[in-house]
Protein backbone atom coordinates (compact mmCIF):
# COMPACT_ATOMS: atom_id res chain seq x y z
CA UNK A 1 -75.72 73.19 -63.26
CA UNK A 2 -74.87 69.63 -62.91
CA UNK A 3 -72.94 68.20 -59.69
CA UNK A 4 -71.11 64.87 -59.71
CA UNK A 5 -70.85 63.10 -56.45
CA UNK A 6 -67.66 61.03 -56.08
CA UNK A 7 -67.81 57.61 -54.39
CA UNK A 8 -66.84 57.88 -50.74
CA UNK A 9 -65.46 54.78 -48.97
CA UNK A 10 -67.32 53.61 -45.93
CA UNK A 11 -65.77 54.86 -42.71
CA UNK A 12 -65.65 51.40 -41.13
CA UNK A 13 -64.07 49.19 -43.89
CA UNK A 14 -62.02 46.30 -42.40
CA UNK A 15 -58.12 46.17 -43.27
CA UNK A 16 -56.55 42.37 -43.35
CA UNK A 17 -53.19 43.49 -44.52
CA UNK A 18 -51.23 43.29 -41.13
CA UNK A 19 -53.06 40.20 -39.60
CA UNK A 20 -52.62 38.32 -42.84
CA UNK A 21 -48.77 39.08 -42.87
CA UNK A 22 -48.39 38.05 -39.25
CA UNK A 23 -50.33 34.88 -39.87
CA UNK A 24 -48.11 34.02 -42.98
CA UNK A 25 -45.05 34.57 -40.86
CA UNK A 26 -46.06 32.45 -38.07
CA UNK A 27 -46.81 29.66 -40.71
CA UNK A 28 -43.52 30.19 -42.07
CA UNK A 29 -41.68 29.89 -38.82
CA UNK A 30 -43.78 26.84 -38.05
CA UNK A 31 -42.98 25.14 -41.29
CA UNK A 32 -39.24 25.87 -40.56
CA UNK A 33 -39.33 24.47 -37.30
CA UNK A 34 -41.28 21.36 -38.49
CA UNK A 35 -38.82 21.06 -41.37
CA UNK A 36 -35.86 20.96 -38.73
CA UNK A 37 -37.26 17.84 -37.15
CA UNK A 38 -38.95 16.44 -40.34
CA UNK A 39 -35.84 14.38 -41.19
CA UNK A 40 -35.71 12.94 -37.70
CA UNK A 41 -39.50 12.12 -37.68
CA UNK A 42 -39.16 10.39 -41.08
CA UNK A 43 -36.30 8.10 -39.69
CA UNK A 44 -38.34 7.19 -36.65
CA UNK A 45 -41.37 6.69 -38.70
CA UNK A 46 -39.77 4.52 -41.29
CA UNK A 47 -38.11 2.43 -38.64
CA UNK A 48 -41.32 1.82 -36.70
CA UNK A 49 -40.26 4.01 -33.72
CA UNK A 50 -43.58 5.87 -32.25
CA UNK A 51 -42.09 9.39 -32.09
CA UNK A 52 -44.39 12.04 -32.93
CA UNK A 53 -43.17 15.36 -34.70
CA UNK A 54 -44.49 17.63 -32.05
CA UNK A 55 -42.72 15.16 -29.60
CA UNK A 56 -39.56 16.18 -31.11
CA UNK A 57 -40.12 19.69 -30.71
CA UNK A 58 -41.05 19.24 -27.16
CA UNK A 59 -37.59 17.65 -26.71
CA UNK A 60 -35.83 20.59 -28.04
CA UNK A 61 -37.78 22.83 -25.82
CA UNK A 62 -36.70 20.68 -22.84
CA UNK A 63 -33.09 20.91 -23.87
CA UNK A 64 -32.83 17.42 -24.92
CA UNK A 65 -31.11 16.43 -28.04
CA UNK A 66 -33.43 14.80 -30.31
CA UNK A 67 -30.83 13.14 -32.59
CA UNK A 68 -29.39 11.28 -29.69
CA UNK A 69 -33.08 10.01 -28.56
CA UNK A 70 -34.13 9.12 -31.90
CA UNK A 71 -31.03 7.25 -32.76
CA UNK A 72 -31.34 5.37 -29.37
CA UNK A 73 -34.90 4.59 -29.94
CA UNK A 74 -34.29 3.43 -33.49
CA UNK A 75 -31.49 1.16 -32.32
CA UNK A 76 -33.47 -0.34 -29.44
CA UNK A 77 -36.58 -0.93 -31.87
CA UNK A 78 -34.56 -2.47 -34.59
CA UNK A 79 -33.08 -4.76 -31.84
CA UNK A 80 -36.35 -5.75 -30.59
CA UNK A 81 -36.14 -3.66 -27.28
CA UNK A 82 -39.07 -1.55 -26.91
CA UNK A 83 -37.89 1.36 -24.79
CA UNK A 84 -40.01 4.22 -23.40
CA UNK A 85 -38.78 7.53 -25.05
CA UNK A 86 -39.72 9.45 -21.74
CA UNK A 87 -37.10 7.26 -19.79
CA UNK A 88 -34.53 7.94 -22.60
CA UNK A 89 -35.05 11.71 -22.04
CA UNK A 90 -34.98 11.55 -18.26
CA UNK A 91 -31.65 9.60 -18.53
CA UNK A 92 -30.31 12.15 -20.90
CA UNK A 93 -31.38 15.10 -18.62
CA UNK A 94 -29.71 13.18 -15.62
CA UNK A 95 -26.45 13.37 -17.55
CA UNK A 96 -26.32 9.68 -18.68
CA UNK A 97 -24.85 8.36 -21.95
CA UNK A 98 -28.09 7.26 -23.53
CA UNK A 99 -26.49 5.64 -26.64
CA UNK A 100 -23.94 3.86 -24.68
CA UNK A 101 -26.86 2.45 -22.46
CA UNK A 102 -28.79 1.34 -25.41
CA UNK A 103 -25.88 -0.48 -27.11
CA UNK A 104 -25.12 -2.09 -23.52
CA UNK A 105 -28.82 -3.31 -23.33
CA UNK A 106 -28.64 -4.61 -26.95
CA UNK A 107 -25.36 -6.58 -26.28
CA UNK A 108 -26.94 -7.86 -22.94
CA UNK A 109 -29.91 -9.11 -24.61
CA UNK A 110 -28.01 -11.02 -27.19
CA UNK A 111 -26.01 -12.63 -24.65
CA UNK A 112 -29.07 -13.36 -22.35
CA UNK A 113 -27.55 -11.53 -19.31
CA UNK A 114 -30.98 -10.27 -18.03
CA UNK A 115 -29.90 -6.46 -17.75
CA UNK A 116 -32.94 -4.08 -17.91
CA UNK A 117 -32.94 -0.40 -18.68
CA UNK A 118 -33.28 0.94 -15.06
CA UNK A 119 -30.25 -1.13 -13.94
CA UNK A 120 -28.21 -0.07 -16.98
CA UNK A 121 -28.95 3.49 -16.28
CA UNK A 122 -28.17 3.18 -12.65
CA UNK A 123 -24.65 1.82 -13.63
CA UNK A 124 -24.17 4.48 -16.10
CA UNK A 125 -25.04 7.39 -13.74
CA UNK A 126 -22.78 5.69 -11.19
CA UNK A 127 -19.75 6.40 -13.35
CA UNK A 128 -19.20 2.97 -14.69
CA UNK A 129 -19.05 2.01 -18.50
CA UNK A 130 -21.95 -0.15 -18.73
CA UNK A 131 -21.00 -1.14 -22.35
CA UNK A 132 -17.51 -2.16 -21.15
CA UNK A 133 -19.11 -4.12 -18.24
CA UNK A 134 -21.31 -6.11 -20.55
CA UNK A 135 -18.46 -6.82 -22.92
CA UNK A 136 -16.17 -7.92 -19.99
CA UNK A 137 -18.90 -10.13 -18.76
CA UNK A 138 -19.20 -11.66 -22.18
CA UNK A 139 -15.47 -11.75 -22.79
CA UNK A 140 -13.48 -12.10 -19.56
CA UNK A 141 -10.28 -10.03 -19.36
CA UNK A 142 -7.01 -10.82 -17.64
CA UNK A 143 -5.51 -8.56 -14.81
CA UNK A 144 -1.76 -8.76 -14.06
CA UNK A 145 -1.02 -8.94 -10.42
CA UNK A 146 0.87 -6.90 -9.77
CA UNK A 147 0.81 -4.72 -12.81
CA UNK A 148 4.61 -4.16 -12.64
CA UNK A 149 7.31 -6.33 -11.16
CA UNK A 150 6.61 -9.30 -8.85
CA UNK A 151 5.06 -10.01 -5.46
CA UNK A 152 7.65 -10.81 -2.86
CA UNK A 153 6.90 -13.30 -0.08
CA UNK A 154 9.27 -15.51 2.45
CA UNK A 155 8.74 -19.02 2.97
CA UNK A 156 9.31 -20.73 6.38
CA UNK A 157 13.05 -21.65 5.54
CA UNK A 158 13.67 -17.87 5.13
CA UNK A 159 14.10 -17.77 1.32
CA UNK A 160 12.35 -14.97 -0.51
CA UNK A 161 10.10 -16.21 -3.28
CA UNK A 162 9.08 -13.81 -6.23
CA UNK A 163 5.87 -14.50 -7.97
CA UNK A 164 3.61 -12.96 -10.59
CA UNK A 165 -0.02 -13.87 -11.17
CA UNK A 166 -2.57 -13.49 -13.91
CA UNK A 167 -6.17 -13.25 -12.78
CA UNK A 168 -9.16 -13.88 -15.24
CA UNK A 169 -12.27 -12.16 -14.20
CA UNK A 170 -15.64 -11.25 -15.71
CA UNK A 171 -18.09 -8.51 -14.65
CA UNK A 172 -20.78 -9.35 -12.14
CA UNK A 173 -23.71 -7.05 -13.28
CA UNK A 174 -25.60 -7.26 -10.11
CA UNK A 175 -22.72 -6.09 -7.95
CA UNK A 176 -21.53 -3.51 -10.49
CA UNK A 177 -22.90 -0.66 -8.41
CA UNK A 178 -21.08 -0.23 -5.28
CA UNK A 179 -18.61 -3.02 -5.99
CA UNK A 180 -14.96 -2.75 -5.49
CA UNK A 181 -12.78 -2.29 -8.73
CA UNK A 182 -9.90 -3.99 -10.18
CA UNK A 183 -7.37 -2.49 -7.51
CA UNK A 184 -9.23 -4.27 -4.78
CA UNK A 185 -8.82 -7.55 -6.79
CA UNK A 186 -5.11 -6.92 -7.30
CA UNK A 187 -4.58 -6.15 -3.48
CA UNK A 188 -6.59 -9.33 -2.38
CA UNK A 189 -4.82 -11.66 -4.87
CA UNK A 190 -1.35 -10.08 -3.63
CA UNK A 191 -2.31 -10.79 -0.12
CA UNK A 192 -3.37 -14.32 -0.79
CA UNK A 193 -0.07 -15.06 -2.61
CA UNK A 194 2.05 -13.78 0.32
CA UNK A 195 0.04 -15.74 2.73
CA UNK A 196 0.19 -19.00 0.78
CA UNK A 197 4.02 -18.54 0.22
CA UNK A 198 4.55 -17.78 3.88
CA UNK A 199 2.77 -20.82 5.04
CA UNK A 200 4.93 -23.10 2.89
CA UNK A 201 7.56 -25.04 4.67
CA UNK A 202 10.19 -24.48 2.06
CA UNK A 203 10.67 -22.38 -1.18
CA UNK A 204 11.28 -25.74 -2.88
CA UNK A 205 7.66 -26.75 -2.21
CA UNK A 206 6.53 -23.43 -3.94
CA UNK A 207 8.74 -24.14 -6.91
CA UNK A 208 7.60 -27.75 -7.28
CA UNK A 209 3.99 -27.00 -7.12
CA UNK A 210 3.28 -23.29 -8.08
CA UNK A 211 -0.57 -24.45 -8.65
CA UNK A 212 -0.85 -24.80 -4.94
CA UNK A 213 -0.47 -20.85 -4.82
CA UNK A 214 -3.35 -20.45 -7.11
CA UNK A 215 -5.50 -22.98 -5.53
CA UNK A 216 -4.98 -21.61 -2.25
CA UNK A 217 -5.73 -18.01 -3.28
CA UNK A 218 -8.69 -19.17 -5.25
CA UNK A 219 -10.17 -20.98 -2.29
CA UNK A 220 -10.30 -17.61 -0.17
CA UNK A 221 -13.35 -16.18 -2.14
CA UNK A 222 -11.27 -12.98 -2.99
CA UNK A 223 -14.05 -11.62 -5.18
CA UNK A 224 -16.53 -11.08 -2.26
CA UNK A 225 -17.94 -7.56 -2.36
CA UNK A 226 -16.29 -6.63 -5.74
CA UNK A 227 -17.83 -5.98 -9.21
CA UNK A 228 -16.04 -9.01 -10.62
CA UNK A 229 -16.20 -12.67 -10.38
CA UNK A 230 -12.76 -14.36 -10.40
CA UNK A 231 -12.62 -17.47 -12.88
CA UNK A 232 -9.08 -18.52 -12.52
CA UNK A 233 -5.78 -17.36 -11.10
CA UNK A 234 -2.77 -18.56 -12.89
CA UNK A 235 0.97 -18.22 -11.72
CA UNK A 236 2.67 -16.79 -14.70
CA UNK A 237 6.24 -16.58 -13.18
CA UNK A 238 7.89 -17.62 -9.87
CA UNK A 239 11.63 -16.73 -9.18
CA UNK A 240 14.04 -17.02 -6.15
CA UNK A 241 15.02 -13.84 -4.25
CA UNK A 242 17.30 -13.07 -1.51
CA UNK A 243 18.15 -15.31 1.61
CA UNK A 244 16.00 -12.98 4.10
CA UNK A 245 16.30 -15.91 6.97
CA UNK A 246 20.24 -15.65 6.77
CA UNK A 247 20.21 -11.95 6.52
CA UNK A 248 17.81 -11.61 9.63
CA UNK A 249 20.02 -14.15 11.52
CA UNK A 250 23.09 -12.14 10.78
CA UNK A 251 21.48 -8.96 11.99
CA UNK A 252 20.35 -10.61 15.07
CA UNK A 253 23.83 -12.00 15.67
CA UNK A 254 25.17 -8.57 15.12
CA UNK A 255 22.70 -7.12 17.54
CA UNK A 256 23.51 -9.77 20.09
CA UNK A 257 27.24 -9.02 19.64
CA UNK A 258 26.70 -5.40 20.44
CA UNK A 259 24.71 -6.36 23.35
CA UNK A 260 27.44 -8.56 24.83
CA UNK A 261 29.82 -5.68 24.20
CA UNK A 262 27.91 -3.29 26.02
CA UNK A 263 27.50 -5.65 28.80
CA UNK A 264 31.27 -6.59 28.87
CA UNK A 265 32.09 -2.70 28.70
CA UNK A 266 29.81 -2.16 31.65
CA UNK A 267 31.49 -4.97 33.55
CA UNK A 268 35.03 -3.72 32.76
CA UNK A 269 33.96 -0.17 34.16
CA UNK A 270 32.74 -1.64 37.16
CA UNK A 271 35.94 -3.49 37.46
CA UNK A 272 38.03 -0.35 37.05
CA UNK A 273 35.90 1.38 39.54
CA UNK A 274 36.44 -1.42 42.02
CA UNK A 275 40.15 -1.31 41.30
CA UNK A 276 40.32 2.48 42.00
CA UNK A 277 38.51 2.00 45.27
CA UNK A 278 40.80 -0.82 46.11
CA UNK A 279 43.79 1.53 45.40
CA UNK A 280 42.20 4.26 47.51
CA UNK A 281 41.68 1.88 50.38
CA UNK A 282 45.39 0.62 50.10
CA UNK A 283 46.60 4.12 49.99
CA UNK A 284 44.38 4.75 53.31
CA UNK A 285 45.84 1.70 55.06
CA UNK A 286 49.38 2.91 54.13
CA UNK A 287 48.72 6.28 55.67
CA UNK A 288 47.39 4.41 58.59
CA UNK A 289 50.63 2.14 58.80
CA UNK A 290 52.78 5.31 58.33
CA UNK A 291 51.00 6.75 61.34
CA UNK A 292 51.41 3.55 63.35
CA UNK A 293 55.17 3.46 62.36
CA UNK A 294 55.51 6.88 63.66
CA UNK A 295 54.32 5.90 66.99
CA UNK A 296 57.08 3.21 67.43
CA UNK A 297 59.99 5.57 67.95
CA UNK A 298 57.88 7.55 70.67
CA UNK A 299 56.97 4.11 72.40
CA UNK A 300 60.54 3.13 72.35
CA UNK A 301 61.63 6.43 73.90
CA UNK A 302 58.91 5.97 76.57
CA UNK A 303 60.19 2.60 77.22
CA UNK A 304 63.64 3.76 77.70
CA UNK A 305 62.42 6.58 79.95
CA UNK A 306 60.35 4.07 82.15
CA UNK A 307 63.14 1.53 82.26
CA UNK A 308 61.37 -1.31 80.43
CA UNK A 309 63.79 -1.30 77.58
CA UNK A 310 67.50 -1.32 77.77
CA UNK A 311 70.37 -0.58 75.46
CA UNK A 312 71.22 -4.10 74.88
CA UNK A 313 67.57 -4.88 73.92
CA UNK A 314 67.66 -1.99 71.49
CA UNK A 315 71.02 -3.30 69.81
CA UNK A 316 69.33 -6.79 69.46
CA UNK A 317 66.27 -5.20 67.72
CA UNK A 318 68.76 -3.29 65.37
CA UNK A 319 70.57 -6.41 64.50
CA UNK A 320 67.31 -8.36 63.76
CA UNK A 321 66.20 -5.64 61.57
CA UNK A 322 69.60 -5.63 59.71
CA UNK A 323 69.44 -9.46 59.29
CA UNK A 324 66.01 -9.30 58.02
CA UNK A 325 67.01 -6.57 55.58
CA UNK A 326 69.88 -8.54 54.39
CA UNK A 327 67.64 -11.83 53.83
CA UNK A 328 65.25 -9.80 51.80
CA UNK A 329 67.76 -8.37 49.53
CA UNK A 330 69.37 -11.79 49.07
CA UNK A 331 65.91 -13.25 48.24
CA UNK A 332 65.27 -10.45 45.60
CA UNK A 333 68.60 -11.08 44.00
CA UNK A 334 67.86 -14.79 43.57
CA UNK A 335 64.36 -14.16 42.03
CA UNK A 336 65.95 -11.64 39.49
CA UNK A 337 68.63 -14.09 38.60
CA UNK A 338 66.08 -16.90 38.04
CA UNK A 339 63.86 -14.74 35.90
CA UNK A 340 66.89 -13.72 33.72
CA UNK A 341 67.88 -17.39 33.32
CA UNK A 342 64.23 -18.41 32.20
CA UNK A 343 64.13 -15.48 29.64
CA UNK A 344 67.56 -16.43 28.08
CA UNK A 345 66.30 -19.91 27.87
CA UNK A 346 63.19 -18.94 25.90
CA UNK A 347 65.12 -16.83 23.36
CA UNK A 348 65.63 -18.85 20.04
CA UNK A 349 69.19 -19.66 18.95
CA UNK A 350 70.69 -19.97 22.40
CA UNK A 351 71.20 -22.89 24.73
């Protein structure tokens, strides 16, 4: 009997199926990741910007937008500004506008403003638009002062003068961080206009020479501590307002009249009080007179009893009183007749 032995596989034969599959999967994922940044790497390489493929992958892992960094680096390289990619990433992570800063650096380099990346990044992080600042430095802008309406000031003659100015300014890059804004320029120019007009002797002087306002304001150095440099101050319009001096004088005269009326009323009240006091005193004296006259009959009776006064003396007193009373009535009648005659003569149409 013949037996056939089948081939038995070795018990410890290695299996490469799963490791190979995992390796292939990792290679595919790595290839897909590299293909994602391949376009950016080719752009950087063709433009001469030294950015590696794995450096782009690292940007993505650090939550940095590689597209923004690559575009900014390419723009700087093409403009002849070799910037450090690490600085661009740091500025992006700090919340800055990388493309805006690079454009501002390119414009500043073309205009020979001497702006470096650290200063531009500081301006951008401070909340200022660094590109607009560079453009304003190259191309000055005009600020209306005030933005709406006119500034009202009063000359020494009391006439109100209305003025509107236009201020030409350009950005001062060195003082942009921490410098005052346009509102401060407008406020200072308005203050200077009011001060210059107020020091004028007459409103005619202001109308004849409006440039004295701009010269006086410009000589005060109003741009100190601001982010701008004032190039010129031009008076756009000058007009005449109200006569403030006359109005103030009228108000003062009215106030003086009220004070005088109050003083006169006080004096009248005092006079009325004094009159009432005199009336009261007269009444008191009359009461004393009545009391004194009441003592006369008693004194006469006492004189009769004591024999110092006789009946003939009493009759002579009575006759004297009657004669005095008659003379008084005659005098009163003549006075009334004379007053009637004078009134009749004053009446028109009678002789």
